[in-house]
Amino acid sequence: MIFKLILTEMPSAPCSVRIVFVLNNGVEIARHAQVASLHGILAEISHWMQTLENNDFHLKESSPVAKILVQPAQQREELSEKPLSVVNICGKITHGASLHIHNPGVEAYIKKERNNFGVSHAVYTRFCNFHTSNNKSSTLLRAGTSSQAIANGICHVFVTDSLLDVVVTNIVYNARLGRPVLQNNKRIMRAIKELALGPVRECMPVEECMFVHCLKQELTDPTTLQDLGLTNLHDVSIRINICRTGVVNFFFGLPGGLDIKLEPELHVISVCETLLQAIVNAT
């Protein structure tokens, strides 16, 4: 195998560099490393070349490295790896006709708010934030991270008899790959499509957002929907935002919602784990 190595700047002291592997098909894969000499750079290149050769997805693509670029890296970038976790749960509470839906103990903590959507009555808690409509027919819940904790908070804030149903409508998961992600990497789209979960599309042009990859995965595979208990929901989708620093956010939309008692964030995370692994393999 013959490739071209391009050093944009020789290290004179220990420093952080970005090593970019440019494949024959135009895909670019990057890694950050701390090096102190040319020998250190070559050792890192050798290590990552070996890693690429052991990557099943890379082998299947059959596109060898054509060029390697070594560039100074920005020291301030956070590239540490972080596993998938829940960072936001949103949902809706439907109330029955009742004069008082809040427990007397929280009345003093209700804050009246007005925005473009009208007037709401908010209660901010460590479980999540509750925003009740002015006519007291429904409450939007936001900024939760655990269905159990949210359910506990609901019991403290609201009169139980006023509750008709409580559903989760959107879950946001976050992870860090521990590596940079470049714009010129069509392997990510190909890797996700190979999962055959449903149609995948770019949801907005890259130049119009802060992410280098913005994708929308529709969940239409019957087996997957059945395994997740989502067969009664329509238009289930996951928006995937991938930042250049390797931060990945999954926005899991559940139109119509799932009962909060089912703890949806623990069940549907498996799909996001599958998607995350596909992204890891492609980067």
Protein backbone atom coordinates (compact mmCIF):
# COMPACT_ATOMS: atom_id res chain seq x y z
CA MET A 1 0.00 0.00 0.00
CA ILE A 2 1.33 3.44 -0.95
CA PHE A 3 0.06 6.65 0.62
CA LYS A 4 1.25 10.24 1.05
CA LEU A 5 2.11 11.62 4.50
CA ILE A 6 1.82 15.38 4.85
CA LEU A 7 3.13 17.16 7.97
CA THR A 8 1.85 20.72 8.22
CA GLU A 9 4.05 21.45 11.24
CA MET A 10 6.81 19.47 12.98
CA PRO A 11 6.36 19.22 16.77
CA SER A 12 9.15 20.92 18.72
CA ALA A 13 7.66 19.99 22.11
CA PRO A 14 4.88 17.72 23.42
CA CYS A 15 1.69 18.83 21.70
CA SER A 16 -1.73 17.71 20.50
CA VAL A 17 -2.08 16.83 16.81
CA ARG A 18 -4.93 15.79 14.57
CA ILE A 19 -4.18 12.89 12.24
CA VAL A 20 -6.52 12.75 9.24
CA PHE A 21 -6.73 9.56 7.19
CA VAL A 22 -8.07 10.31 3.70
CA LEU A 23 -9.42 7.22 1.96
CA ASN A 24 -9.53 6.57 -1.78
CA ASN A 25 -13.30 7.15 -1.81
CA GLY A 26 -12.89 10.63 -0.27
CA VAL A 27 -13.94 9.67 3.26
CA GLU A 28 -11.92 11.41 5.98
CA ILE A 29 -11.35 9.87 9.42
CA ALA A 30 -9.58 11.79 12.17
CA ARG A 31 -7.90 11.05 15.50
CA HIS A 32 -6.30 13.30 18.11
CA ALA A 33 -3.06 12.33 19.82
CA GLN A 34 -0.43 13.74 22.17
CA VAL A 35 3.04 13.50 20.59
CA ALA A 36 6.51 14.87 21.27
CA SER A 37 8.42 13.91 18.13
CA LEU A 38 8.23 12.58 14.60
CA HIS A 39 8.73 9.11 16.05
CA GLY A 40 5.62 9.63 18.21
CA ILE A 41 3.59 10.69 15.18
CA LEU A 42 4.64 7.63 13.20
CA ALA A 43 3.80 5.37 16.17
CA GLU A 44 0.31 6.87 16.39
CA ILE A 45 -0.21 6.48 12.65
CA SER A 46 0.89 2.85 12.83
CA HIS A 47 -1.49 2.20 15.73
CA TRP A 48 -4.53 3.75 14.02
CA MET A 49 -3.75 2.11 10.69
CA GLN A 50 -3.80 -1.24 12.46
CA THR A 51 -7.10 -0.31 14.12
CA LEU A 52 -8.60 0.57 10.74
CA GLU A 53 -7.47 -2.75 9.29
CA ASN A 54 -9.28 -4.57 12.11
CA ASN A 55 -12.51 -2.62 11.54
CA ASP A 56 -15.05 -4.88 9.79
CA PHE A 57 -16.91 -1.92 8.28
CA HIS A 58 -13.66 -0.50 6.87
CA LEU A 59 -12.71 -3.86 5.37
CA LYS A 60 -16.12 -4.18 3.75
CA GLU A 61 -15.75 -0.74 2.15
CA SER A 62 -12.45 -1.83 0.53
CA SER A 63 -11.16 1.73 0.28
CA PRO A 64 -7.50 2.01 1.38
CA VAL A 65 -5.83 5.07 2.87
CA ALA A 66 -4.56 7.36 0.13
CA LYS A 67 -3.22 10.26 2.18
CA ILE A 68 -2.48 11.11 5.81
CA LEU A 69 -2.49 14.68 7.10
CA VAL A 70 -0.93 15.67 10.44
CA GLN A 71 -2.17 19.02 11.73
CA PRO A 72 -2.02 20.97 15.02
CA ALA A 73 -5.10 20.31 17.17
CA GLN A 74 -6.99 22.78 19.33
CA GLN A 75 -6.15 22.11 22.97
CA ARG A 76 -9.51 23.30 24.27
CA GLU A 77 -11.58 20.64 22.52
CA GLU A 78 -13.18 18.01 24.78
CA LEU A 79 -12.72 14.64 23.09
CA SER A 80 -13.06 12.23 26.01
CA GLU A 81 -15.39 9.27 25.52
CA LYS A 82 -18.73 9.19 27.36
CA PRO A 83 -21.34 6.41 27.22
CA LEU A 84 -24.94 6.98 26.19
CA SER A 85 -27.11 8.63 28.84
CA VAL A 86 -30.52 10.29 29.15
CA VAL A 87 -30.28 14.08 29.27
CA ASN A 88 -33.91 15.12 28.73
CA ILE A 89 -37.35 13.55 28.95
CA CYS A 90 -40.41 15.47 27.78
CA GLY A 91 -44.04 14.48 28.01
CA LYS A 92 -47.60 15.44 28.76
CA ILE A 93 -50.07 15.07 31.61
CA THR A 94 -53.79 15.16 30.83
CA HIS A 95 -56.00 16.36 33.66
CA GLY A 96 -59.66 15.71 34.31
CA ALA A 97 -62.07 18.53 35.04
CA SER A 98 -61.13 19.80 38.49
CA LEU A 99 -61.05 23.11 40.30
CA HIS A 100 -57.74 22.31 42.01
CA ILE A 101 -55.12 20.15 40.28
CA HIS A 102 -52.07 21.20 42.35
CA ASN A 103 -51.50 19.96 45.87
CA PRO A 104 -51.93 22.75 48.45
CA GLY A 105 -48.28 22.46 49.51
CA VAL A 106 -46.97 23.61 46.14
CA GLU A 107 -49.33 26.53 45.55
CA ALA A 108 -46.69 28.98 46.80
CA TYR A 109 -44.18 27.69 44.24
CA ILE A 110 -46.37 28.08 41.15
CA LYS A 111 -45.02 30.72 38.79
CA LYS A 112 -47.27 32.32 36.22
CA GLU A 113 -45.53 32.65 32.86
CA ARG A 114 -46.48 34.21 29.55
CA ASN A 115 -44.91 33.51 26.13
CA ASN A 116 -45.93 33.29 22.46
CA PHE A 117 -47.95 30.16 23.24
CA GLY A 118 -50.03 31.88 25.94
CA VAL A 119 -50.17 31.73 29.71
CA SER A 120 -48.95 28.75 31.74
CA HIS A 121 -48.44 27.95 35.41
CA ALA A 122 -44.97 26.49 36.06
CA VAL A 123 -43.54 24.48 38.91
CA TYR A 124 -39.78 23.85 38.80
CA THR A 125 -38.53 20.78 40.67
CA ARG A 126 -35.42 18.60 40.78
CA PHE A 127 -37.44 15.83 39.09
CA CYS A 128 -38.45 17.94 36.06
CA ASN A 129 -40.30 21.14 35.20
CA PHE A 130 -44.10 21.23 34.95
CA HIS A 131 -45.94 23.78 32.77
CA THR A 132 -49.72 23.68 33.19
CA SER A 133 -52.04 25.31 30.66
CA ASN A 134 -54.15 28.23 31.81
CA ASN A 135 -57.36 26.15 31.53
CA LYS A 136 -55.76 23.37 33.66
CA SER A 137 -56.54 20.68 31.08
CA SER A 138 -52.94 19.59 30.48
CA THR A 139 -49.39 19.94 31.76
CA LEU A 140 -46.19 19.69 29.74
CA LEU A 141 -43.25 18.13 31.56
CA ARG A 142 -39.69 18.92 30.56
CA ALA A 143 -36.05 18.52 31.65
CA GLY A 144 -36.46 15.14 33.34
CA THR A 145 -33.94 12.30 33.20
CA SER A 146 -35.86 9.45 34.87
CA SER A 147 -39.47 8.33 34.46
CA GLN A 148 -39.52 7.01 38.02
CA ALA A 149 -38.31 10.33 39.39
CA ILE A 150 -40.84 12.24 37.27
CA ALA A 151 -43.67 10.01 38.50
CA ASN A 152 -42.52 10.68 42.06
CA GLY A 153 -42.53 14.42 41.39
CA ILE A 154 -46.04 14.25 39.91
CA CYS A 155 -47.32 12.71 43.15
CA HIS A 156 -45.85 15.64 45.10
CA VAL A 157 -47.07 18.40 42.78
CA PHE A 158 -50.51 17.30 41.59
CA VAL A 159 -53.73 16.00 43.08
CA THR A 160 -53.74 12.34 42.05
CA ASP A 161 -57.47 12.29 41.31
CA SER A 162 -56.97 14.96 38.64
CA LEU A 163 -54.65 12.78 36.51
CA LEU A 164 -56.11 11.04 33.46
CA ASP A 165 -52.83 9.91 31.87
CA VAL A 166 -49.12 10.71 31.81
CA VAL A 167 -47.08 9.99 28.67
CA VAL A 168 -43.50 10.49 27.48
CA THR A 169 -43.33 12.05 24.01
CA ASN A 170 -39.63 12.81 23.50
CA ILE A 171 -36.36 11.49 24.93
CA VAL A 172 -32.91 12.96 24.33
CA TYR A 173 -29.79 10.81 24.71
CA ASN A 174 -26.22 12.08 24.64
CA ALA A 175 -22.83 10.42 24.13
CA ARG A 176 -19.26 11.34 23.20
CA LEU A 177 -17.28 9.22 20.76
CA GLY A 178 -13.91 10.29 22.13
CA ARG A 179 -12.74 11.24 18.63
CA PRO A 180 -13.35 14.05 16.12
CA VAL A 181 -15.81 13.58 13.26
CA LEU A 182 -15.21 15.19 9.87
CA GLN A 183 -17.76 16.44 7.36
CA ASN A 184 -16.36 14.32 4.52
CA ASN A 185 -17.56 11.00 5.87
CA LYS A 186 -20.41 9.41 3.93
CA ARG A 187 -19.69 6.13 5.73
CA ILE A 188 -21.87 7.28 8.63
CA MET A 189 -24.96 7.42 6.44
CA ARG A 190 -24.10 4.09 4.83
CA ALA A 191 -23.51 2.40 8.19
CA ILE A 192 -26.88 3.57 9.53
CA LYS A 193 -28.72 2.56 6.37
CA GLU A 194 -27.27 -0.94 6.66
CA LEU A 195 -29.12 -1.39 9.97
CA ALA A 196 -32.36 -1.46 7.94
CA LEU A 197 -34.40 0.22 10.67
CA GLY A 198 -36.25 2.37 8.12
CA PRO A 199 -35.63 5.36 5.81
CA VAL A 200 -32.71 7.65 6.69
CA ARG A 201 -32.20 11.15 5.35
CA GLU A 202 -30.17 14.27 5.96
CA CYS A 203 -32.53 16.58 7.78
CA MET A 204 -30.79 19.88 6.97
CA PRO A 205 -27.81 21.16 4.97
CA VAL A 206 -24.60 20.99 6.98
CA GLU A 207 -23.75 24.65 6.41
CA GLU A 208 -26.93 25.76 8.17
CA CYS A 209 -26.25 24.13 11.55
CA MET A 210 -23.51 23.68 14.13
CA PHE A 211 -23.28 19.93 13.53
CA VAL A 212 -21.25 18.23 10.84
CA HIS A 213 -23.88 15.51 10.39
CA CYS A 214 -27.65 15.87 10.94
CA LEU A 215 -29.70 12.78 10.11
CA LYS A 216 -33.23 11.57 10.68
CA GLN A 217 -33.86 7.86 11.17
CA GLU A 218 -37.48 6.76 10.76
CA LEU A 219 -38.38 3.56 12.62
CA THR A 220 -40.51 1.43 10.32
CA ASP A 221 -38.99 -2.05 10.77
CA PRO A 222 -41.85 -4.17 12.22
CA THR A 223 -39.56 -6.40 14.31
CA THR A 224 -37.81 -3.44 15.90
CA LEU A 225 -41.08 -1.68 16.67
CA GLN A 226 -42.47 -4.85 18.22
CA ASP A 227 -39.36 -5.42 20.34
CA LEU A 228 -39.63 -1.85 21.65
CA GLY A 229 -43.37 -2.04 22.28
CA LEU A 230 -44.03 0.75 19.77
CA THR A 231 -46.38 -1.04 17.37
CA ASN A 232 -49.30 1.23 18.36
CA LEU A 233 -47.36 4.42 17.57
CA HIS A 234 -46.98 6.00 14.13
CA ASP A 235 -44.21 8.21 12.73
CA VAL A 236 -41.64 7.18 15.34
CA SER A 237 -38.29 8.74 14.45
CA ILE A 238 -34.86 9.58 15.81
CA ARG A 239 -32.97 12.72 14.89
CA ILE A 240 -29.21 12.27 15.10
CA ASN A 241 -26.91 15.27 15.54
CA ILE A 242 -23.16 14.62 15.38
CA CYS A 243 -20.75 17.40 16.33
CA ARG A 244 -17.23 17.75 14.94
CA THR A 245 -15.85 17.05 18.46
CA GLY A 246 -17.60 13.66 18.56
CA VAL A 247 -20.62 14.70 20.63
CA VAL A 248 -23.70 12.75 19.51
CA ASN A 249 -27.30 13.60 20.43
CA PHE A 250 -30.29 11.36 19.72
CA PHE A 251 -33.75 12.96 19.79
CA PHE A 252 -36.20 10.07 20.06
CA GLY A 253 -39.70 11.22 19.06
CA LEU A 254 -42.71 9.23 20.30
CA PRO A 255 -45.82 10.81 18.70
CA GLY A 256 -48.83 10.11 20.90
CA GLY A 257 -46.54 9.13 23.74
CA LEU A 258 -45.83 6.08 25.89
CA ASP A 259 -47.17 5.60 29.41
CA ILE A 260 -44.59 6.88 31.87
CA LYS A 261 -45.07 3.74 33.99
CA LEU A 262 -43.35 1.76 31.21
CA GLU A 263 -40.14 3.77 31.75
CA PRO A 264 -39.70 4.34 27.98
CA GLU A 265 -36.16 5.71 28.26
CA LEU A 266 -34.93 2.30 29.47
CA HIS A 267 -36.57 0.39 26.59
CA VAL A 268 -35.87 2.50 23.51
CA ILE A 269 -32.25 3.22 24.45
CA SER A 270 -31.29 -0.09 22.79
CA VAL A 271 -31.96 1.40 19.33
CA CYS A 272 -29.79 4.42 20.12
CA GLU A 273 -27.03 2.07 21.30
CA THR A 274 -27.24 0.25 17.96
CA LEU A 275 -27.08 3.54 16.06
CA LEU A 276 -24.18 4.75 18.20
CA GLN A 277 -22.18 1.60 17.48
CA ALA A 278 -22.77 2.07 13.75
CA ILE A 279 -21.44 5.64 14.04
CA VAL A 280 -18.39 4.40 15.97
CA ASN A 281 -17.67 1.81 13.27
CA ALA A 282 -17.92 4.46 10.55
CA THR A 283 -15.67 7.01 12.21
